[in-house]
Amino acid sequence: MTFLIVTVAVTAILFVLDRKKTIAGIKKGLKKLGKIMPVFFFMLVLAVLGLTLMPEDLIQRYLTGSNQYLAALAGLAVGSVAILPGFIAFPLGEILRGQGVPYMVIAAFTSSLMMVGILTFPVEKEFFGTRFALVRNLTSMLIAACVALAMGLVFGELF
């Protein structure tokens, strides 16, 4: 909400300073929004279908395997499918912890869930270009893996 208030305030100030440029900027932004909406809508449909068709116990089954490294890789893979905000990812992590999923695997899952986005790749590619989208997603995946390993060390799950 704060972001919205700041955006409206800055837009109002800019409108007072230079109406022509502000109106041109708003028109340009709306034009870009109209261009990206079909891609964004398609991404949302894919995310909803994926989450709807996936059985509830599937994630838990693959994230509690006897080999924690494979389970962490599974967490990275499953989490990287769609980007979700923290207020959804962290409660989901708590549910998984209650089902016996190790902290390292939860860290891999939630980190990649919030930072890596395979389904959002078309949107990123459209806005920022293929190279940027690839580098951002690969870097985010590497960071998520490092976070998972660090959590495994902190909670004594690796050695």
N, C-alpha and C. Protein backbone atom coordinates (compact mmCIF):
# COMPACT_ATOMS: atom_id res chain seq x y z
N MET A 1 0.82 -1.19 0.00
CA MET A 1 0.00 0.00 0.00
C MET A 1 0.87 1.26 0.00
N THR A 2 1.97 1.21 0.77
CA THR A 2 2.88 2.34 0.83
C THR A 2 3.46 2.64 -0.54
N PHE A 3 3.81 1.58 -1.28
CA PHE A 3 4.36 1.74 -2.61
C PHE A 3 3.37 2.46 -3.52
N LEU A 4 2.10 2.09 -3.41
CA LEU A 4 1.07 2.72 -4.22
C LEU A 4 0.93 4.21 -3.89
N ILE A 5 0.96 4.52 -2.62
CA ILE A 5 0.85 5.93 -2.18
C ILE A 5 2.03 6.74 -2.70
N VAL A 6 3.23 6.18 -2.57
CA VAL A 6 4.43 6.88 -3.05
C VAL A 6 4.36 7.07 -4.56
N THR A 7 3.93 6.04 -5.27
CA THR A 7 3.81 6.13 -6.73
C THR A 7 2.83 7.22 -7.15
N VAL A 8 1.67 7.27 -6.51
CA VAL A 8 0.67 8.30 -6.84
C VAL A 8 1.22 9.69 -6.49
N ALA A 9 1.89 9.81 -5.36
CA ALA A 9 2.43 11.11 -4.95
C ALA A 9 3.50 11.59 -5.93
N VAL A 10 4.41 10.72 -6.31
CA VAL A 10 5.46 11.11 -7.25
C VAL A 10 4.87 11.45 -8.61
N THR A 11 3.89 10.67 -9.05
CA THR A 11 3.23 10.96 -10.33
C THR A 11 2.53 12.32 -10.28
N ALA A 12 1.88 12.62 -9.16
CA ALA A 12 1.22 13.93 -9.02
C ALA A 12 2.23 15.07 -9.07
N ILE A 13 3.35 14.90 -8.39
CA ILE A 13 4.40 15.93 -8.40
C ILE A 13 4.93 16.12 -9.82
N LEU A 14 5.21 15.01 -10.50
CA LEU A 14 5.71 15.11 -11.87
C LEU A 14 4.68 15.73 -12.80
N PHE A 15 3.41 15.45 -12.55
CA PHE A 15 2.34 16.03 -13.36
C PHE A 15 2.33 17.54 -13.21
N VAL A 16 2.53 18.02 -12.00
CA VAL A 16 2.57 19.46 -11.76
C VAL A 16 3.79 20.09 -12.44
N LEU A 17 4.93 19.39 -12.38
CA LEU A 17 6.16 19.92 -12.96
C LEU A 17 6.14 19.92 -14.48
N ASP A 18 5.66 18.84 -15.10
CA ASP A 18 5.64 18.75 -16.56
C ASP A 18 4.51 17.82 -17.01
N ARG A 19 3.37 18.42 -17.32
CA ARG A 19 2.18 17.63 -17.68
C ARG A 19 2.41 16.78 -18.92
N LYS A 20 3.01 17.36 -19.95
CA LYS A 20 3.19 16.65 -21.22
C LYS A 20 4.01 15.37 -21.04
N LYS A 21 5.15 15.50 -20.38
CA LYS A 21 6.01 14.33 -20.18
C LYS A 21 5.35 13.28 -19.30
N THR A 22 4.65 13.73 -18.27
CA THR A 22 3.99 12.78 -17.37
C THR A 22 2.90 12.01 -18.10
N ILE A 23 2.08 12.71 -18.87
CA ILE A 23 1.03 12.04 -19.64
C ILE A 23 1.64 11.10 -20.66
N ALA A 24 2.72 11.53 -21.33
CA ALA A 24 3.39 10.67 -22.31
C ALA A 24 3.95 9.42 -21.61
N GLY A 25 4.50 9.59 -20.42
CA GLY A 25 5.04 8.45 -19.67
C GLY A 25 3.96 7.48 -19.24
N ILE A 26 2.85 8.01 -18.79
CA ILE A 26 1.72 7.15 -18.38
C ILE A 26 1.19 6.38 -19.59
N LYS A 27 1.06 7.06 -20.74
CA LYS A 27 0.59 6.39 -21.96
C LYS A 27 1.56 5.28 -22.37
N LYS A 28 2.85 5.56 -22.30
CA LYS A 28 3.86 4.57 -22.66
C LYS A 28 3.80 3.37 -21.71
N GLY A 29 3.62 3.64 -20.42
CA GLY A 29 3.52 2.56 -19.43
C GLY A 29 2.29 1.70 -19.66
N LEU A 30 1.16 2.33 -19.94
CA LEU A 30 -0.07 1.58 -20.21
C LEU A 30 0.04 0.75 -21.48
N LYS A 31 0.75 1.28 -22.47
CA LYS A 31 0.96 0.55 -23.71
C LYS A 31 1.81 -0.71 -23.44
N LYS A 32 2.87 -0.57 -22.64
CA LYS A 32 3.70 -1.72 -22.29
C LYS A 32 2.92 -2.73 -21.45
N LEU A 33 2.09 -2.23 -20.55
CA LEU A 33 1.26 -3.10 -19.73
C LEU A 33 0.31 -3.91 -20.60
N GLY A 34 -0.29 -3.26 -21.58
CA GLY A 34 -1.19 -3.96 -22.51
C GLY A 34 -0.46 -5.02 -23.32
N LYS A 35 0.81 -4.76 -23.62
CA LYS A 35 1.60 -5.71 -24.39
C LYS A 35 1.97 -6.94 -23.56
N ILE A 36 2.24 -6.75 -22.27
CA ILE A 36 2.70 -7.83 -21.42
C ILE A 36 1.57 -8.63 -20.80
N MET A 37 0.36 -8.09 -20.73
CA MET A 37 -0.75 -8.76 -20.06
C MET A 37 -1.06 -10.15 -20.60
N PRO A 38 -1.08 -10.38 -21.92
CA PRO A 38 -1.36 -11.74 -22.39
C PRO A 38 -0.32 -12.76 -21.90
N VAL A 39 0.94 -12.37 -21.89
CA VAL A 39 2.01 -13.26 -21.42
C VAL A 39 1.84 -13.51 -19.92
N PHE A 40 1.55 -12.46 -19.17
CA PHE A 40 1.36 -12.58 -17.73
C PHE A 40 0.16 -13.46 -17.41
N PHE A 41 -0.92 -13.28 -18.14
CA PHE A 41 -2.12 -14.09 -17.95
C PHE A 41 -1.83 -15.57 -18.22
N PHE A 42 -1.11 -15.85 -19.29
CA PHE A 42 -0.73 -17.22 -19.63
C PHE A 42 0.11 -17.83 -18.51
N MET A 43 1.04 -17.06 -17.95
CA MET A 43 1.88 -17.52 -16.86
C MET A 43 1.02 -17.87 -15.63
N LEU A 44 0.05 -17.03 -15.32
CA LEU A 44 -0.84 -17.30 -14.19
C LEU A 44 -1.67 -18.56 -14.40
N VAL A 45 -2.16 -18.75 -15.61
CA VAL A 45 -2.94 -19.95 -15.92
C VAL A 45 -2.09 -21.19 -15.73
N LEU A 46 -0.84 -21.16 -16.22
CA LEU A 46 0.06 -22.30 -16.05
C LEU A 46 0.33 -22.58 -14.57
N ALA A 47 0.55 -21.54 -13.79
CA ALA A 47 0.82 -21.72 -12.36
C ALA A 47 -0.38 -22.34 -11.65
N VAL A 48 -1.57 -21.85 -11.94
CA VAL A 48 -2.78 -22.36 -11.30
C VAL A 48 -3.01 -23.82 -11.71
N LEU A 49 -2.84 -24.13 -12.98
CA LEU A 49 -3.00 -25.51 -13.43
C LEU A 49 -2.00 -26.43 -12.76
N GLY A 50 -0.75 -25.99 -12.68
CA GLY A 50 0.29 -26.80 -12.05
C GLY A 50 -0.01 -27.09 -10.59
N LEU A 51 -0.43 -26.07 -9.86
CA LEU A 51 -0.72 -26.25 -8.45
C LEU A 51 -2.00 -27.06 -8.23
N THR A 52 -2.95 -26.94 -9.14
CA THR A 52 -4.21 -27.66 -9.02
C THR A 52 -4.04 -29.15 -9.33
N LEU A 53 -3.26 -29.45 -10.34
CA LEU A 53 -3.11 -30.83 -10.78
C LEU A 53 -2.11 -31.63 -9.95
N MET A 54 -1.29 -30.95 -9.15
CA MET A 54 -0.29 -31.64 -8.36
C MET A 54 -0.90 -32.18 -7.06
N PRO A 55 -0.80 -33.50 -6.83
CA PRO A 55 -1.33 -34.06 -5.59
C PRO A 55 -0.60 -33.48 -4.36
N GLU A 56 -1.33 -33.32 -3.27
CA GLU A 56 -0.79 -32.68 -2.08
C GLU A 56 0.44 -33.40 -1.53
N ASP A 57 0.42 -34.73 -1.54
CA ASP A 57 1.53 -35.46 -0.94
C ASP A 57 2.74 -35.58 -1.86
N LEU A 58 2.63 -35.14 -3.11
CA LEU A 58 3.72 -35.27 -4.06
C LEU A 58 4.96 -34.50 -3.62
N ILE A 59 4.78 -33.24 -3.26
CA ILE A 59 5.91 -32.42 -2.83
C ILE A 59 6.54 -33.02 -1.59
N GLN A 60 5.72 -33.37 -0.63
CA GLN A 60 6.24 -33.91 0.63
C GLN A 60 7.00 -35.22 0.39
N ARG A 61 6.51 -36.07 -0.50
CA ARG A 61 7.15 -37.36 -0.77
C ARG A 61 8.56 -37.18 -1.34
N TYR A 62 8.71 -36.24 -2.27
CA TYR A 62 10.00 -36.05 -2.90
C TYR A 62 10.97 -35.21 -2.06
N LEU A 63 10.44 -34.49 -1.10
CA LEU A 63 11.31 -33.63 -0.29
C LEU A 63 11.75 -34.29 1.01
N THR A 64 11.34 -35.51 1.28
CA THR A 64 11.77 -36.17 2.52
C THR A 64 12.56 -37.44 2.23
N GLY A 65 13.15 -37.53 1.06
CA GLY A 65 13.91 -38.73 0.70
C GLY A 65 15.09 -38.98 1.63
N SER A 66 15.64 -40.19 1.57
CA SER A 66 16.75 -40.54 2.45
C SER A 66 18.03 -39.80 2.07
N ASN A 67 18.20 -39.46 0.80
CA ASN A 67 19.36 -38.68 0.37
C ASN A 67 18.98 -37.20 0.39
N GLN A 68 19.52 -36.48 1.37
CA GLN A 68 19.14 -35.06 1.52
C GLN A 68 19.60 -34.20 0.35
N TYR A 69 20.70 -34.57 -0.29
CA TYR A 69 21.16 -33.79 -1.44
C TYR A 69 20.18 -33.91 -2.60
N LEU A 70 19.70 -35.13 -2.85
CA LEU A 70 18.69 -35.31 -3.91
C LEU A 70 17.38 -34.63 -3.52
N ALA A 71 17.03 -34.71 -2.24
CA ALA A 71 15.80 -34.04 -1.78
C ALA A 71 15.94 -32.52 -1.94
N ALA A 72 17.13 -31.97 -1.64
CA ALA A 72 17.36 -30.53 -1.81
C ALA A 72 17.30 -30.15 -3.29
N LEU A 73 17.86 -30.99 -4.15
CA LEU A 73 17.76 -30.74 -5.60
C LEU A 73 16.30 -30.78 -6.05
N ALA A 74 15.54 -31.72 -5.50
CA ALA A 74 14.11 -31.77 -5.82
C ALA A 74 13.42 -30.51 -5.33
N GLY A 75 13.79 -30.04 -4.14
CA GLY A 75 13.23 -28.79 -3.61
C GLY A 75 13.55 -27.60 -4.50
N LEU A 76 14.80 -27.54 -4.97
CA LEU A 76 15.18 -26.47 -5.89
C LEU A 76 14.36 -26.55 -7.18
N ALA A 77 14.20 -27.75 -7.70
CA ALA A 77 13.47 -27.92 -8.96
C ALA A 77 11.99 -27.57 -8.81
N VAL A 78 11.37 -28.11 -7.77
CA VAL A 78 9.93 -27.85 -7.57
C VAL A 78 9.70 -26.37 -7.27
N GLY A 79 10.55 -25.80 -6.43
CA GLY A 79 10.39 -24.40 -6.06
C GLY A 79 10.63 -23.43 -7.19
N SER A 80 11.46 -23.82 -8.16
CA SER A 80 11.80 -22.90 -9.24
C SER A 80 10.71 -22.76 -10.29
N VAL A 81 9.68 -23.56 -10.19
CA VAL A 81 8.62 -23.52 -11.21
C VAL A 81 7.90 -22.17 -11.22
N ALA A 82 7.53 -21.66 -10.06
CA ALA A 82 6.80 -20.40 -10.02
C ALA A 82 7.32 -19.53 -8.88
N ILE A 83 7.27 -18.25 -9.06
CA ILE A 83 7.68 -17.32 -8.01
C ILE A 83 6.46 -17.04 -7.13
N LEU A 84 6.63 -17.23 -5.83
CA LEU A 84 5.57 -16.91 -4.87
C LEU A 84 6.13 -15.98 -3.81
N PRO A 85 5.32 -15.11 -3.26
CA PRO A 85 5.80 -14.19 -2.23
C PRO A 85 6.04 -14.90 -0.90
N GLY A 86 6.82 -14.26 -0.04
CA GLY A 86 7.17 -14.83 1.25
C GLY A 86 5.99 -15.18 2.12
N PHE A 87 4.92 -14.37 2.07
CA PHE A 87 3.78 -14.65 2.94
C PHE A 87 3.06 -15.94 2.54
N ILE A 88 3.37 -16.50 1.39
CA ILE A 88 2.85 -17.81 1.01
C ILE A 88 3.94 -18.87 1.19
N ALA A 89 5.17 -18.55 0.79
CA ALA A 89 6.26 -19.53 0.83
C ALA A 89 6.62 -19.96 2.25
N PHE A 90 6.69 -19.02 3.19
CA PHE A 90 7.12 -19.38 4.54
C PHE A 90 6.09 -20.23 5.29
N PRO A 91 4.81 -19.90 5.24
CA PRO A 91 3.84 -20.83 5.86
C PRO A 91 3.86 -22.21 5.21
N LEU A 92 4.09 -22.26 3.90
CA LEU A 92 4.20 -23.54 3.22
C LEU A 92 5.41 -24.32 3.75
N GLY A 93 6.51 -23.60 3.99
CA GLY A 93 7.69 -24.22 4.59
C GLY A 93 7.40 -24.77 5.98
N GLU A 94 6.61 -24.06 6.76
CA GLU A 94 6.24 -24.52 8.10
C GLU A 94 5.39 -25.79 8.03
N ILE A 95 4.50 -25.85 7.05
CA ILE A 95 3.69 -27.06 6.86
C ILE A 95 4.59 -28.24 6.50
N LEU A 96 5.54 -28.00 5.61
CA LEU A 96 6.46 -29.07 5.22
C LEU A 96 7.33 -29.51 6.41
N ARG A 97 7.75 -28.56 7.24
CA ARG A 97 8.55 -28.91 8.42
C ARG A 97 7.74 -29.79 9.35
N GLY A 98 6.48 -29.50 9.50
CA GLY A 98 5.60 -30.32 10.32
C GLY A 98 5.45 -31.74 9.79
N GLN A 99 5.71 -31.90 8.50
CA GLN A 99 5.63 -33.23 7.87
C GLN A 99 6.99 -33.92 7.84
N GLY A 100 7.99 -33.33 8.50
CA GLY A 100 9.30 -33.97 8.62
C GLY A 100 10.30 -33.61 7.55
N VAL A 101 10.03 -32.62 6.74
CA VAL A 101 10.99 -32.22 5.71
C VAL A 101 12.15 -31.48 6.39
N PRO A 102 13.41 -31.86 6.07
CA PRO A 102 14.56 -31.21 6.70
C PRO A 102 14.67 -29.71 6.36
N TYR A 103 15.31 -28.96 7.26
CA TYR A 103 15.48 -27.51 7.06
C TYR A 103 16.22 -27.21 5.76
N MET A 104 17.24 -28.00 5.44
CA MET A 104 18.01 -27.74 4.22
C MET A 104 17.11 -27.83 2.99
N VAL A 105 16.23 -28.79 2.97
CA VAL A 105 15.33 -28.98 1.83
C VAL A 105 14.29 -27.85 1.79
N ILE A 106 13.79 -27.47 2.95
CA ILE A 106 12.83 -26.36 3.01
C ILE A 106 13.49 -25.07 2.53
N ALA A 107 14.74 -24.86 2.93
CA ALA A 107 15.47 -23.66 2.48
C ALA A 107 15.64 -23.67 0.96
N ALA A 108 15.97 -24.83 0.40
CA ALA A 108 16.11 -24.95 -1.05
C ALA A 108 14.78 -24.65 -1.74
N PHE A 109 13.73 -25.24 -1.20
CA PHE A 109 12.40 -25.08 -1.79
C PHE A 109 11.92 -23.63 -1.71
N THR A 110 11.94 -23.05 -0.50
CA THR A 110 11.40 -21.70 -0.35
C THR A 110 12.26 -20.65 -1.03
N SER A 111 13.58 -20.82 -0.99
CA SER A 111 14.46 -19.85 -1.65
C SER A 111 14.23 -19.84 -3.16
N SER A 112 14.20 -21.04 -3.75
CA SER A 112 13.97 -21.09 -5.19
C SER A 112 12.54 -20.68 -5.54
N LEU A 113 11.61 -20.95 -4.64
CA LEU A 113 10.22 -20.57 -4.86
C LEU A 113 10.06 -19.05 -4.95
N MET A 114 10.85 -18.35 -4.16
CA MET A 114 10.73 -16.88 -4.15
C MET A 114 11.66 -16.20 -5.14
N MET A 115 12.73 -16.87 -5.57
CA MET A 115 13.73 -16.17 -6.40
C MET A 115 13.80 -16.64 -7.85
N VAL A 116 13.52 -17.91 -8.10
CA VAL A 116 13.67 -18.46 -9.45
C VAL A 116 12.28 -18.62 -10.04
N GLY A 117 12.13 -18.30 -11.30
CA GLY A 117 10.81 -18.40 -11.90
C GLY A 117 10.82 -18.93 -13.31
N ILE A 118 10.61 -20.21 -13.46
CA ILE A 118 10.54 -20.79 -14.80
C ILE A 118 9.28 -20.31 -15.51
N LEU A 119 8.16 -20.27 -14.79
CA LEU A 119 6.92 -19.81 -15.41
C LEU A 119 6.93 -18.30 -15.70
N THR A 120 7.73 -17.57 -14.94
CA THR A 120 7.80 -16.12 -15.18
C THR A 120 8.86 -15.76 -16.22
N PHE A 121 9.59 -16.75 -16.71
CA PHE A 121 10.65 -16.48 -17.68
C PHE A 121 10.15 -15.73 -18.92
N PRO A 122 9.00 -16.12 -19.51
CA PRO A 122 8.54 -15.36 -20.69
C PRO A 122 8.30 -13.88 -20.40
N VAL A 123 7.81 -13.56 -19.21
CA VAL A 123 7.58 -12.17 -18.85
C VAL A 123 8.91 -11.44 -18.71
N GLU A 124 9.85 -12.06 -18.00
CA GLU A 124 11.18 -11.45 -17.84
C GLU A 124 11.86 -11.27 -19.19
N LYS A 125 11.77 -12.28 -20.04
CA LYS A 125 12.38 -12.21 -21.37
C LYS A 125 11.80 -11.05 -22.17
N GLU A 126 10.50 -10.88 -22.06
CA GLU A 126 9.82 -9.80 -22.80
C GLU A 126 10.29 -8.43 -22.32
N PHE A 127 10.42 -8.27 -21.00
CA PHE A 127 10.79 -6.98 -20.44
C PHE A 127 12.29 -6.71 -20.49
N PHE A 128 13.10 -7.70 -20.14
CA PHE A 128 14.53 -7.47 -19.93
C PHE A 128 15.44 -8.14 -20.93
N GLY A 129 14.91 -9.04 -21.74
CA GLY A 129 15.74 -9.75 -22.71
C GLY A 129 16.10 -11.14 -22.21
N THR A 130 16.42 -12.01 -23.15
CA THR A 130 16.71 -13.41 -22.83
C THR A 130 17.94 -13.55 -21.96
N ARG A 131 19.01 -12.85 -22.31
CA ARG A 131 20.27 -12.99 -21.56
C ARG A 131 20.09 -12.60 -20.10
N PHE A 132 19.46 -11.46 -19.85
CA PHE A 132 19.24 -11.01 -18.48
C PHE A 132 18.39 -12.01 -17.71
N ALA A 133 17.31 -12.49 -18.31
CA ALA A 133 16.41 -13.44 -17.64
C ALA A 133 17.14 -14.73 -17.29
N LEU A 134 17.96 -15.23 -18.21
CA LEU A 134 18.74 -16.44 -17.95
C LEU A 134 19.74 -16.23 -16.81
N VAL A 135 20.49 -15.14 -16.89
CA VAL A 135 21.50 -14.86 -15.86
C VAL A 135 20.84 -14.68 -14.50
N ARG A 136 19.72 -13.96 -14.45
CA ARG A 136 19.04 -13.74 -13.18
C ARG A 136 18.54 -15.05 -12.58
N ASN A 137 17.93 -15.88 -13.40
CA ASN A 137 17.40 -17.15 -12.90
C ASN A 137 18.51 -18.11 -12.48
N LEU A 138 19.58 -18.20 -13.26
CA LEU A 138 20.69 -19.09 -12.90
C LEU A 138 21.40 -18.60 -11.64
N THR A 139 21.59 -17.30 -11.52
CA THR A 139 22.21 -16.74 -10.32
C THR A 139 21.32 -16.98 -9.10
N SER A 140 20.03 -16.79 -9.26
CA SER A 140 19.10 -17.04 -8.17
C SER A 140 19.10 -18.50 -7.75
N MET A 141 19.20 -19.40 -8.72
CA MET A 141 19.26 -20.83 -8.40
C MET A 141 20.53 -21.16 -7.62
N LEU A 142 21.64 -20.57 -8.01
CA LEU A 142 22.91 -20.79 -7.30
C LEU A 142 22.83 -20.25 -5.88
N ILE A 143 22.25 -19.07 -5.72
CA ILE A 143 22.09 -18.50 -4.38
C ILE A 143 21.18 -19.36 -3.53
N ALA A 144 20.09 -19.86 -4.10
CA ALA A 144 19.16 -20.73 -3.36
C ALA A 144 19.88 -22.01 -2.91
N ALA A 145 20.74 -22.56 -3.76
CA ALA A 145 21.50 -23.76 -3.39
C ALA A 145 22.47 -23.45 -2.25
N CYS A 146 23.11 -22.30 -2.31
CA CYS A 146 24.04 -21.90 -1.24
C CYS A 146 23.29 -21.70 0.08
N VAL A 147 22.13 -21.08 0.02
CA VAL A 147 21.31 -20.89 1.22
C VAL A 147 20.92 -22.25 1.81
N ALA A 148 20.55 -23.18 0.94
CA ALA A 148 20.16 -24.52 1.41
C ALA A 148 21.33 -25.21 2.10
N LEU A 149 22.51 -25.15 1.51
CA LEU A 149 23.69 -25.76 2.13
C LEU A 149 24.02 -25.10 3.47
N ALA A 150 23.92 -23.78 3.52
CA ALA A 150 24.19 -23.07 4.78
C ALA A 150 23.20 -23.50 5.86
N MET A 151 21.93 -23.62 5.50
CA MET A 151 20.92 -24.06 6.48
C MET A 151 21.19 -25.49 6.93
N GLY A 152 21.62 -26.33 6.01
CA GLY A 152 21.96 -27.70 6.37
C GLY A 152 23.11 -27.74 7.36
N LEU A 153 24.09 -26.85 7.18
CA LEU A 153 25.21 -26.78 8.13
C LEU A 153 24.76 -26.23 9.48
N VAL A 154 23.97 -25.16 9.46
CA VAL A 154 23.52 -24.53 10.70
C VAL A 154 22.70 -25.49 11.55
N PHE A 155 21.85 -26.28 10.91
CA PHE A 155 20.98 -27.18 11.64
C PHE A 155 21.55 -28.59 11.78
N GLY A 156 22.82 -28.76 11.39
CA GLY A 156 23.50 -30.04 11.58
C GLY A 156 22.93 -31.18 10.76
N GLU A 157 22.40 -30.88 9.59
CA GLU A 157 21.80 -31.92 8.76
C GLU A 157 22.77 -32.50 7.73
N LEU A 158 23.94 -31.91 7.59
CA LEU A 158 24.87 -32.38 6.57
C LEU A 158 25.90 -33.36 7.11
N PHE A 159 26.38 -33.12 8.32
CA PHE A 159 27.45 -33.99 8.82
C PHE A 159 27.06 -34.63 10.13
